[in-house]
């Protein structure tokens, strides 16, 4: 994988936290920042997926279809129990 060099500015307190973390984990600054960026992006991507799912399941047509299927399943199960005594 090709590496890209960049310069960033951090507050002193964030830099100190990063240094403490990376030293405890025996990581280079680059490794620690790469981990932080990966985690940040993964969280953002998960939130986007959840929002998309929320939008899909908020669809009234889908909700109606789910209710109809649930009602059919419940009725079928009740019929099965009535027809087959234990």
PDB file of N, CA and C in Angstrom:
ATOM      1  N   UNK A   1       0.844  -1.167   0.000  1.00  0.00           N
ATOM      2  CA  UNK A   1       0.000   0.000   0.000  1.00  0.00           C
ATOM      3  C   UNK A   1       0.893   1.236   0.000  1.00  0.00           C
ATOM      4  N   UNK A   2       0.563   2.175  -0.832  1.00  0.00           N
ATOM      5  CA  UNK A   2       1.330   3.416  -0.893  1.00  0.00           C
ATOM      6  C   UNK A   2       1.008   4.283   0.311  1.00  0.00           C
ATOM      7  N   UNK A   3       2.010   4.913   0.858  1.00  0.00           N
ATOM      8  CA  UNK A   3       1.818   5.793   2.009  1.00  0.00           C
ATOM      9  C   UNK A   3       1.827   7.241   1.533  1.00  0.00           C
ATOM     10  N   UNK A   4       0.980   8.030   2.151  1.00  0.00           N
ATOM     11  CA  UNK A   4       0.905   9.454   1.859  1.00  0.00           C
ATOM     12  C   UNK A   4       1.382  10.198   3.098  1.00  0.00           C
ATOM     13  N   UNK A   5       2.304  11.121   2.915  1.00  0.00           N
ATOM     14  CA  UNK A   5       2.768  11.924   4.047  1.00  0.00           C
ATOM     15  C   UNK A   5       1.906  13.174   4.131  1.00  0.00           C
ATOM     16  N   UNK A   6       1.618  13.563   5.385  1.00  0.00           N
ATOM     17  CA  UNK A   6       0.833  14.774   5.580  1.00  0.00           C
ATOM     18  C   UNK A   6       1.257  15.448   6.869  1.00  0.00           C
ATOM     19  N   UNK A   7       0.953  16.704   6.955  1.00  0.00           N
ATOM     20  CA  UNK A   7       1.241  17.465   8.161  1.00  0.00           C
ATOM     21  C   UNK A   7      -0.098  17.846   8.778  1.00  0.00           C
ATOM     22  N   UNK A   8      -0.223  17.646  10.095  1.00  0.00           N
ATOM     23  CA  UNK A   8      -1.466  18.012  10.766  1.00  0.00           C
ATOM     24  C   UNK A   8      -1.149  18.848  12.007  1.00  0.00           C
ATOM     25  N   UNK A   9      -2.132  19.577  12.454  1.00  0.00           N
ATOM     26  CA  UNK A   9      -2.012  20.347  13.686  1.00  0.00           C
ATOM     27  C   UNK A   9      -2.985  19.774  14.695  1.00  0.00           C
ATOM     28  N   UNK A  10      -2.503  19.563  15.927  1.00  0.00           N
ATOM     29  CA  UNK A  10      -3.327  19.060  17.018  1.00  0.00           C
ATOM     30  C   UNK A  10      -3.204  20.001  18.199  1.00  0.00           C
ATOM     31  N   UNK A  11      -4.257  20.054  18.999  1.00  0.00           N
ATOM     32  CA  UNK A  11      -4.144  20.804  20.244  1.00  0.00           C
ATOM     33  C   UNK A  11      -3.129  20.084  21.128  1.00  0.00           C
ATOM     34  N   UNK A  12      -2.556  20.806  22.059  1.00  0.00           N
ATOM     35  CA  UNK A  12      -1.571  20.213  22.970  1.00  0.00           C
ATOM     36  C   UNK A  12      -2.192  19.074  23.763  1.00  0.00           C
ATOM     37  N   UNK A  13      -3.417  19.253  24.223  1.00  0.00           N
ATOM     38  CA  UNK A  13      -4.041  18.195  25.028  1.00  0.00           C
ATOM     39  C   UNK A  13      -4.300  16.941  24.193  1.00  0.00           C
ATOM     40  N   UNK A  14      -4.727  17.104  22.944  1.00  0.00           N
ATOM     41  CA  UNK A  14      -4.944  15.940  22.085  1.00  0.00           C
ATOM     42  C   UNK A  14      -3.617  15.262  21.760  1.00  0.00           C
ATOM     43  N   UNK A  15      -2.602  16.053  21.488  1.00  0.00           N
ATOM     44  CA  UNK A  15      -1.274  15.498  21.226  1.00  0.00           C
ATOM     45  C   UNK A  15      -0.780  14.688  22.428  1.00  0.00           C
ATOM     46  N   UNK A  16      -0.962  15.236  23.619  1.00  0.00           N
ATOM     47  CA  UNK A  16      -0.523  14.534  24.831  1.00  0.00           C
ATOM     48  C   UNK A  16      -1.269  13.212  25.002  1.00  0.00           C
ATOM     49  N   UNK A  17      -2.555  13.227  24.745  1.00  0.00           N
ATOM     50  CA  UNK A  17      -3.349  11.986  24.839  1.00  0.00           C
ATOM     51  C   UNK A  17      -2.874  10.968  23.822  1.00  0.00           C
ATOM     52  N   UNK A  18      -2.616  11.428  22.612  1.00  0.00           N
ATOM     53  CA  UNK A  18      -2.127  10.546  21.554  1.00  0.00           C
ATOM     54  C   UNK A  18      -0.782   9.943  21.941  1.00  0.00           C
ATOM     55  N   UNK A  19       0.103  10.758  22.450  1.00  0.00           N
ATOM     56  CA  UNK A  19       1.421  10.273  22.850  1.00  0.00           C
ATOM     57  C   UNK A  19       1.309   9.227  23.958  1.00  0.00           C
ATOM     58  N   UNK A  20       0.473   9.488  24.929  1.00  0.00           N
ATOM     59  CA  UNK A  20       0.292   8.537  26.025  1.00  0.00           C
ATOM     60  C   UNK A  20      -0.235   7.204  25.495  1.00  0.00           C
ATOM     61  N   UNK A  21      -1.230   7.276  24.608  1.00  0.00           N
ATOM     62  CA  UNK A  21      -1.820   6.060  24.031  1.00  0.00           C
ATOM     63  C   UNK A  21      -0.790   5.293  23.207  1.00  0.00           C
ATOM     64  N   UNK A  22      -0.126   5.981  22.306  1.00  0.00           N
ATOM     65  CA  UNK A  22       0.767   5.271  21.377  1.00  0.00           C
ATOM     66  C   UNK A  22       1.967   4.670  22.098  1.00  0.00           C
ATOM     67  N   UNK A  23       2.451   5.345  23.119  1.00  0.00           N
ATOM     68  CA  UNK A  23       3.576   4.789  23.886  1.00  0.00           C
ATOM     69  C   UNK A  23       3.134   3.543  24.649  1.00  0.00           C
ATOM     70  N   UNK A  24       1.950   3.603  25.248  1.00  0.00           N
ATOM     71  CA  UNK A  24       1.443   2.444  25.995  1.00  0.00           C
ATOM     72  C   UNK A  24       1.228   1.252  25.069  1.00  0.00           C
ATOM     73  N   UNK A  25       0.820   1.526  23.843  1.00  0.00           N
ATOM     74  CA  UNK A  25       0.545   0.463  22.876  1.00  0.00           C
ATOM     75  C   UNK A  25       1.753   0.138  22.003  1.00  0.00           C
ATOM     76  N   UNK A  26       2.852   0.859  22.214  1.00  0.00           N
ATOM     77  CA  UNK A  26       4.088   0.665  21.439  1.00  0.00           C
ATOM     78  C   UNK A  26       3.837   0.848  19.929  1.00  0.00           C
ATOM     79  N   UNK A  27       3.192   1.969  19.601  1.00  0.00           N
ATOM     80  CA  UNK A  27       2.881   2.299  18.213  1.00  0.00           C
ATOM     81  C   UNK A  27       3.638   3.551  17.794  1.00  0.00           C
ATOM     82  N   UNK A  28       3.880   3.642  16.508  1.00  0.00           N
ATOM     83  CA  UNK A  28       4.413   4.900  15.987  1.00  0.00           C
ATOM     84  C   UNK A  28       3.259   5.908  15.934  1.00  0.00           C
ATOM     85  N   UNK A  29       3.603   7.181  15.777  1.00  0.00           N
ATOM     86  CA  UNK A  29       2.536   8.191  15.635  1.00  0.00           C
ATOM     87  C   UNK A  29       1.681   7.878  14.408  1.00  0.00           C
ATOM     88  N   UNK A  30       2.323   7.483  13.341  1.00  0.00           N
ATOM     89  CA  UNK A  30       1.575   7.173  12.115  1.00  0.00           C
ATOM     90  C   UNK A  30       0.592   6.028  12.344  1.00  0.00           C
ATOM     91  N   UNK A  31       1.053   4.984  13.018  1.00  0.00           N
ATOM     92  CA  UNK A  31       0.171   3.849  13.301  1.00  0.00           C
ATOM     93  C   UNK A  31      -1.005   4.271  14.178  1.00  0.00           C
ATOM     94  N   UNK A  32      -0.714   5.057  15.224  1.00  0.00           N
ATOM     95  CA  UNK A  32      -1.777   5.493  16.131  1.00  0.00           C
ATOM     96  C   UNK A  32      -2.799   6.362  15.401  1.00  0.00           C
ATOM     97  N   UNK A  33      -2.332   7.273  14.569  1.00  0.00           N
ATOM     98  CA  UNK A  33      -3.257   8.135  13.828  1.00  0.00           C
ATOM     99  C   UNK A  33      -4.027   7.351  12.769  1.00  0.00           C
ATOM    100  N   UNK A  34      -3.392   6.362  12.158  1.00  0.00           N
ATOM    101  CA  UNK A  34      -4.088   5.523  11.180  1.00  0.00           C
ATOM    102  C   UNK A  34      -5.205   4.735  11.865  1.00  0.00           C
ATOM    103  N   UNK A  35      -4.938   4.205  13.054  1.00  0.00           N
ATOM    104  CA  UNK A  35      -5.965   3.480  13.810  1.00  0.00           C
ATOM    105  C   UNK A  35      -7.118   4.416  14.144  1.00  0.00           C
ATOM    106  N   UNK A  36      -6.789   5.620  14.605  1.00  0.00           N
ATOM    107  CA  UNK A  36      -7.825   6.591  14.955  1.00  0.00           C
ATOM    108  C   UNK A  36      -8.674   6.951  13.734  1.00  0.00           C
ATOM    109  N   UNK A  37      -8.032   7.156  12.602  1.00  0.00           N
ATOM    110  CA  UNK A  37      -8.770   7.498  11.381  1.00  0.00           C
ATOM    111  C   UNK A  37      -9.667   6.343  10.942  1.00  0.00           C
ATOM    112  N   UNK A  38      -9.164   5.117  11.000  1.00  0.00           N
ATOM    113  CA  UNK A  38      -9.962   3.941  10.637  1.00  0.00           C
ATOM    114  C   UNK A  38     -11.199   3.825  11.526  1.00  0.00           C
ATOM    115  N   UNK A  39     -10.999   3.987  12.835  1.00  0.00           N
ATOM    116  CA  UNK A  39     -12.123   3.885  13.770  1.00  0.00           C
ATOM    117  C   UNK A  39     -13.144   4.990  13.520  1.00  0.00           C
ATOM    118  N   UNK A  40     -12.669   6.208  13.300  1.00  0.00           N
ATOM    119  CA  UNK A  40     -13.558   7.330  13.026  1.00  0.00           C
ATOM    120  C   UNK A  40     -14.391   7.061  11.776  1.00  0.00           C
ATOM    121  N   UNK A  41     -13.745   6.636  10.710  1.00  0.00           N
ATOM    122  CA  UNK A  41     -14.447   6.387   9.455  1.00  0.00           C
ATOM    123  C   UNK A  41     -15.405   5.201   9.566  1.00  0.00           C
ATOM    124  N   UNK A  42     -15.010   4.164  10.292  1.00  0.00           N
ATOM    125  CA  UNK A  42     -15.894   3.007  10.482  1.00  0.00           C
ATOM    126  C   UNK A  42     -17.157   3.434  11.220  1.00  0.00           C
ATOM    127  N   UNK A  43     -16.997   4.257  12.243  1.00  0.00           N
ATOM    128  CA  UNK A  43     -18.158   4.749  12.992  1.00  0.00           C
ATOM    129  C   UNK A  43     -19.066   5.571  12.087  1.00  0.00           C
ATOM    130  N   UNK A  44     -18.477   6.436  11.296  1.00  0.00           N
ATOM    131  CA  UNK A  44     -19.258   7.267  10.367  1.00  0.00           C
ATOM    132  C   UNK A  44     -20.000   6.388   9.355  1.00  0.00           C
ATOM    133  N   UNK A  45     -19.335   5.393   8.822  1.00  0.00           N
ATOM    134  CA  UNK A  45     -19.956   4.507   7.836  1.00  0.00           C
ATOM    135  C   UNK A  45     -21.080   3.699   8.469  1.00  0.00           C
ATOM    136  N   UNK A  46     -20.892   3.234   9.711  1.00  0.00           N
ATOM    137  CA  UNK A  46     -21.951   2.490  10.407  1.00  0.00           C
ATOM    138  C   UNK A  46     -23.172   3.370  10.621  1.00  0.00           C
ATOM    139  N   UNK A  47     -22.947   4.622  11.004  1.00  0.00           N
ATOM    140  CA  UNK A  47     -24.065   5.547  11.200  1.00  0.00           C
ATOM    141  C   UNK A  47     -24.822   5.772   9.900  1.00  0.00           C
ATOM    142  N   UNK A  48     -24.097   5.886   8.791  1.00  0.00           N
ATOM    143  CA  UNK A  48     -24.746   6.090   7.487  1.00  0.00           C
ATOM    144  C   UNK A  48     -25.585   4.871   7.117  1.00  0.00           C
ATOM    145  N   UNK A  49     -25.072   3.681   7.377  1.00  0.00           N
ATOM    146  CA  UNK A  49     -25.820   2.452   7.096  1.00  0.00           C
ATOM    147  C   UNK A  49     -27.083   2.401   7.949  1.00  0.00           C
ATOM    148  N   UNK A  50     -26.945   2.718   9.241  1.00  0.00           N
ATOM    149  CA  UNK A  50     -28.111   2.699  10.133  1.00  0.00           C
ATOM    150  C   UNK A  50     -29.162   3.708   9.695  1.00  0.00           C
ATOM    151  N   UNK A  51     -28.733   4.877   9.252  1.00  0.00           N
ATOM    152  CA  UNK A  51     -29.684   5.881   8.772  1.00  0.00           C
ATOM    153  C   UNK A  51     -30.417   5.360   7.547  1.00  0.00           C
ATOM    154  N   UNK A  52     -29.694   4.726   6.636  1.00  0.00           N
ATOM    155  CA  UNK A  52     -30.330   4.164   5.445  1.00  0.00           C
ATOM    156  C   UNK A  52     -31.346   3.089   5.819  1.00  0.00           C
ATOM    157  N   UNK A  53     -30.981   2.236   6.773  1.00  0.00           N
ATOM    158  CA  UNK A  53     -31.916   1.193   7.223  1.00  0.00           C
ATOM    159  C   UNK A  53     -33.142   1.811   7.893  1.00  0.00           C
ATOM    160  N   UNK A  54     -32.914   2.833   8.719  1.00  0.00           N
ATOM    161  CA  UNK A  54     -34.039   3.523   9.352  1.00  0.00           C
ATOM    162  C   UNK A  54     -34.973   4.098   8.291  1.00  0.00           C
ATOM    163  N   UNK A  55     -34.402   4.690   7.246  1.00  0.00           N
ATOM    164  CA  UNK A  55     -35.216   5.257   6.168  1.00  0.00           C
ATOM    165  C   UNK A  55     -36.024   4.170   5.462  1.00  0.00           C
ATOM    166  N   UNK A  56     -35.392   3.029   5.218  1.00  0.00           N
ATOM    167  CA  UNK A  56     -36.089   1.925   4.543  1.00  0.00           C
ATOM    168  C   UNK A  56     -37.241   1.422   5.406  1.00  0.00           C
ATOM    169  N   UNK A  57     -36.968   1.168   6.689  1.00  0.00           N
ATOM    170  CA  UNK A  57     -37.998   0.589   7.551  1.00  0.00           C
ATOM    171  C   UNK A  57     -39.062   1.598   7.967  1.00  0.00           C
ATOM    172  N   UNK A  58     -38.828   2.883   7.716  1.00  0.00           N
ATOM    173  CA  UNK A  58     -39.842   3.901   7.991  1.00  0.00           C
ATOM    174  C   UNK A  58     -40.845   4.005   6.841  1.00  0.00           C
ATOM    175  N   UNK A  59     -40.581   3.304   5.763  1.00  0.00           N
ATOM    176  CA  UNK A  59     -41.463   3.331   4.591  1.00  0.00           C
ATOM    177  C   UNK A  59     -42.818   2.727   4.964  1.00  0.00           C
ATOM    178  N   UNK A  60     -43.919   3.500   4.821  1.00  0.00           N
ATOM    179  CA  UNK A  60     -45.236   2.994   5.206  1.00  0.00           C
ATOM    180  C   UNK A  60     -45.656   1.736   4.446  1.00  0.00           C
ATOM    181  N   UNK A  61     -45.286   1.622   3.187  1.00  0.00           N
ATOM    182  CA  UNK A  61     -45.639   0.429   2.412  1.00  0.00           C
ATOM    183  C   UNK A  61     -44.959  -0.811   2.994  1.00  0.00           C
ATOM    184  N   UNK A  62     -43.698  -0.671   3.374  1.00  0.00           N
ATOM    185  CA  UNK A  62     -42.969  -1.792   3.960  1.00  0.00           C
ATOM    186  C   UNK A  62     -43.555  -2.154   5.320  1.00  0.00           C
ATOM    187  N   UNK A  63     -43.903  -1.157   6.105  1.00  0.00           N
ATOM    188  CA  UNK A  63     -44.495  -1.419   7.413  1.00  0.00           C
ATOM    189  C   UNK A  63     -45.818  -2.173   7.265  1.00  0.00           C
ATOM    190  N   UNK A  64     -46.624  -1.762   6.292  1.00  0.00           N
ATOM    191  CA  UNK A  64     -47.909  -2.426   6.043  1.00  0.00           C
ATOM    192  C   UNK A  64     -47.679  -3.877   5.612  1.00  0.00           C
ATOM    193  N   UNK A  65     -46.710  -4.083   4.735  1.00  0.00           N
ATOM    194  CA  UNK A  65     -46.390  -5.436   4.270  1.00  0.00           C
ATOM    195  C   UNK A  65     -45.894  -6.307   5.424  1.00  0.00           C
ATOM    196  N   UNK A  66     -45.035  -5.754   6.274  1.00  0.00           N
ATOM    197  CA  UNK A  66     -44.544  -6.512   7.423  1.00  0.00           C
ATOM    198  C   UNK A  66     -45.695  -6.894   8.351  1.00  0.00           C
ATOM    199  N   UNK A  67     -46.635  -5.970   8.568  1.00  0.00           N
ATOM    200  CA  UNK A  67     -47.789  -6.249   9.429  1.00  0.00           C
ATOM    201  C   UNK A  67     -48.642  -7.346   8.823  1.00  0.00           C
ATOM    202  N   UNK A  68     -48.883  -7.283   7.528  1.00  0.00           N
ATOM    203  CA  UNK A  68     -49.690  -8.310   6.855  1.00  0.00           C
ATOM    204  C   UNK A  68     -49.025  -9.681   6.974  1.00  0.00           C
ATOM    205  N   UNK A  69     -47.715  -9.740   6.745  1.00  0.00           N
ATOM    206  CA  UNK A  69     -47.004 -11.013   6.846  1.00  0.00           C
ATOM    207  C   UNK A  69     -47.016 -11.541   8.279  1.00  0.00           C
ATOM    208  N   UNK A  70     -46.876 -10.638   9.233  1.00  0.00           N
ATOM    209  CA  UNK A  70     -46.923 -11.040  10.637  1.00  0.00           C
ATOM    210  C   UNK A  70     -48.301 -11.592  10.987  1.00  0.00           C
ATOM    211  N   UNK A  71     -49.353 -10.929  10.509  1.00  0.00           N
ATOM    212  CA  UNK A  71     -50.715 -11.396  10.766  1.00  0.00           C
ATOM    213  C   UNK A  71     -50.952 -12.774  10.141  1.00  0.00           C
ATOM    214  N   UNK A  72     -50.450 -12.975   8.930  1.00  0.00           N
ATOM    215  CA  UNK A  72     -50.599 -14.269   8.256  1.00  0.00           C
ATOM    216  C   UNK A  72     -49.870 -15.347   9.055  1.00  0.00           C
ATOM    217  N   UNK A  73     -48.652 -15.043   9.499  1.00  0.00           N
ATOM    218  CA  UNK A  73     -47.878 -15.999  10.279  1.00  0.00           C
ATOM    219  C   UNK A  73     -48.562 -16.338  11.593  1.00  0.00           C
ATOM    220  N   UNK A  74     -49.100 -15.346  12.259  1.00  0.00           N
ATOM    221  CA  UNK A  74     -49.796 -15.572  13.529  1.00  0.00           C
ATOM    222  C   UNK A  74     -51.031 -16.436  13.317  1.00  0.00           C
ATOM    223  N   UNK A  75     -51.802 -16.120  12.289  1.00  0.00           N
ATOM    224  CA  UNK A  75     -53.006 -16.895  11.997  1.00  0.00           C
ATOM    225  C   UNK A  75     -52.651 -18.343  11.654  1.00  0.00           C
ATOM    226  N   UNK A  76     -51.601 -18.521  10.883  1.00  0.00           N
ATOM    227  CA  UNK A  76     -51.170 -19.878  10.506  1.00  0.00           C
ATOM    228  C   UNK A  76     -50.738 -20.666  11.737  1.00  0.00           C
ATOM    229  N   UNK A  77     -50.024 -20.030  12.622  1.00  0.00           N
ATOM    230  CA  UNK A  77     -49.559 -20.694  13.835  1.00  0.00           C
ATOM    231  C   UNK A  77     -50.749 -21.055  14.736  1.00  0.00           C
ATOM    232  N   UNK A  78     -51.699 -20.137  14.852  1.00  0.00           N
ATOM    233  CA  UNK A  78     -52.881 -20.416  15.666  1.00  0.00           C
ATOM    234  C   UNK A  78     -53.670 -21.587  15.089  1.00  0.00           C
ATOM    235  N   UNK A  79     -53.811 -21.636  13.773  1.00  0.00           N
ATOM    236  CA  UNK A  79     -54.529 -22.732  13.103  1.00  0.00           C
ATOM    237  C   UNK A  79     -53.801 -24.053  13.352  1.00  0.00           C
ATOM    238  N   UNK A  80     -52.489 -24.032  13.254  1.00  0.00           N
ATOM    239  CA  UNK A  80     -51.683 -25.224  13.490  1.00  0.00           C
ATOM    240  C   UNK A  80     -51.903 -25.746  14.913  1.00  0.00           C
ATOM    241  N   UNK A  81     -51.929 -24.834  15.880  1.00  0.00           N
ATOM    242  CA  UNK A  81     -52.157 -25.248  17.259  1.00  0.00           C
ATOM    243  C   UNK A  81     -53.560 -25.814  17.468  1.00  0.00           C
ATOM    244  N   UNK A  82     -54.549 -25.229  16.793  1.00  0.00           N
ATOM    245  CA  UNK A  82     -55.936 -25.722  16.921  1.00  0.00           C
ATOM    246  C   UNK A  82     -56.088 -27.115  16.292  1.00  0.00           C
ATOM    247  N   UNK A  83     -55.424 -27.333  15.175  1.00  0.00           N
ATOM    248  CA  UNK A  83     -55.572 -28.585  14.436  1.00  0.00           C
ATOM    249  C   UNK A  83     -54.726 -29.714  15.005  1.00  0.00           C
ATOM    250  N   UNK A  84     -53.735 -29.414  15.807  1.00  0.00           N
ATOM    251  CA  UNK A  84     -52.824 -30.436  16.320  1.00  0.00           C
ATOM    252  C   UNK A  84     -52.732 -30.355  17.833  1.00  0.00           C
ATOM    253  N   UNK A  85     -53.613 -31.054  18.528  1.00  0.00           N
ATOM    254  CA  UNK A  85     -53.508 -31.034  19.995  1.00  0.00           C
ATOM    255  C   UNK A  85     -52.217 -31.733  20.425  1.00  0.00           C
ATOM    256  N   UNK A  86     -51.623 -31.237  21.464  1.00  0.00           N
ATOM    257  CA  UNK A  86     -50.377 -31.807  21.936  1.00  0.00           C
ATOM    258  C   UNK A  86     -50.706 -33.024  22.721  1.00  0.00           C
TER     259      UNK A  86
END
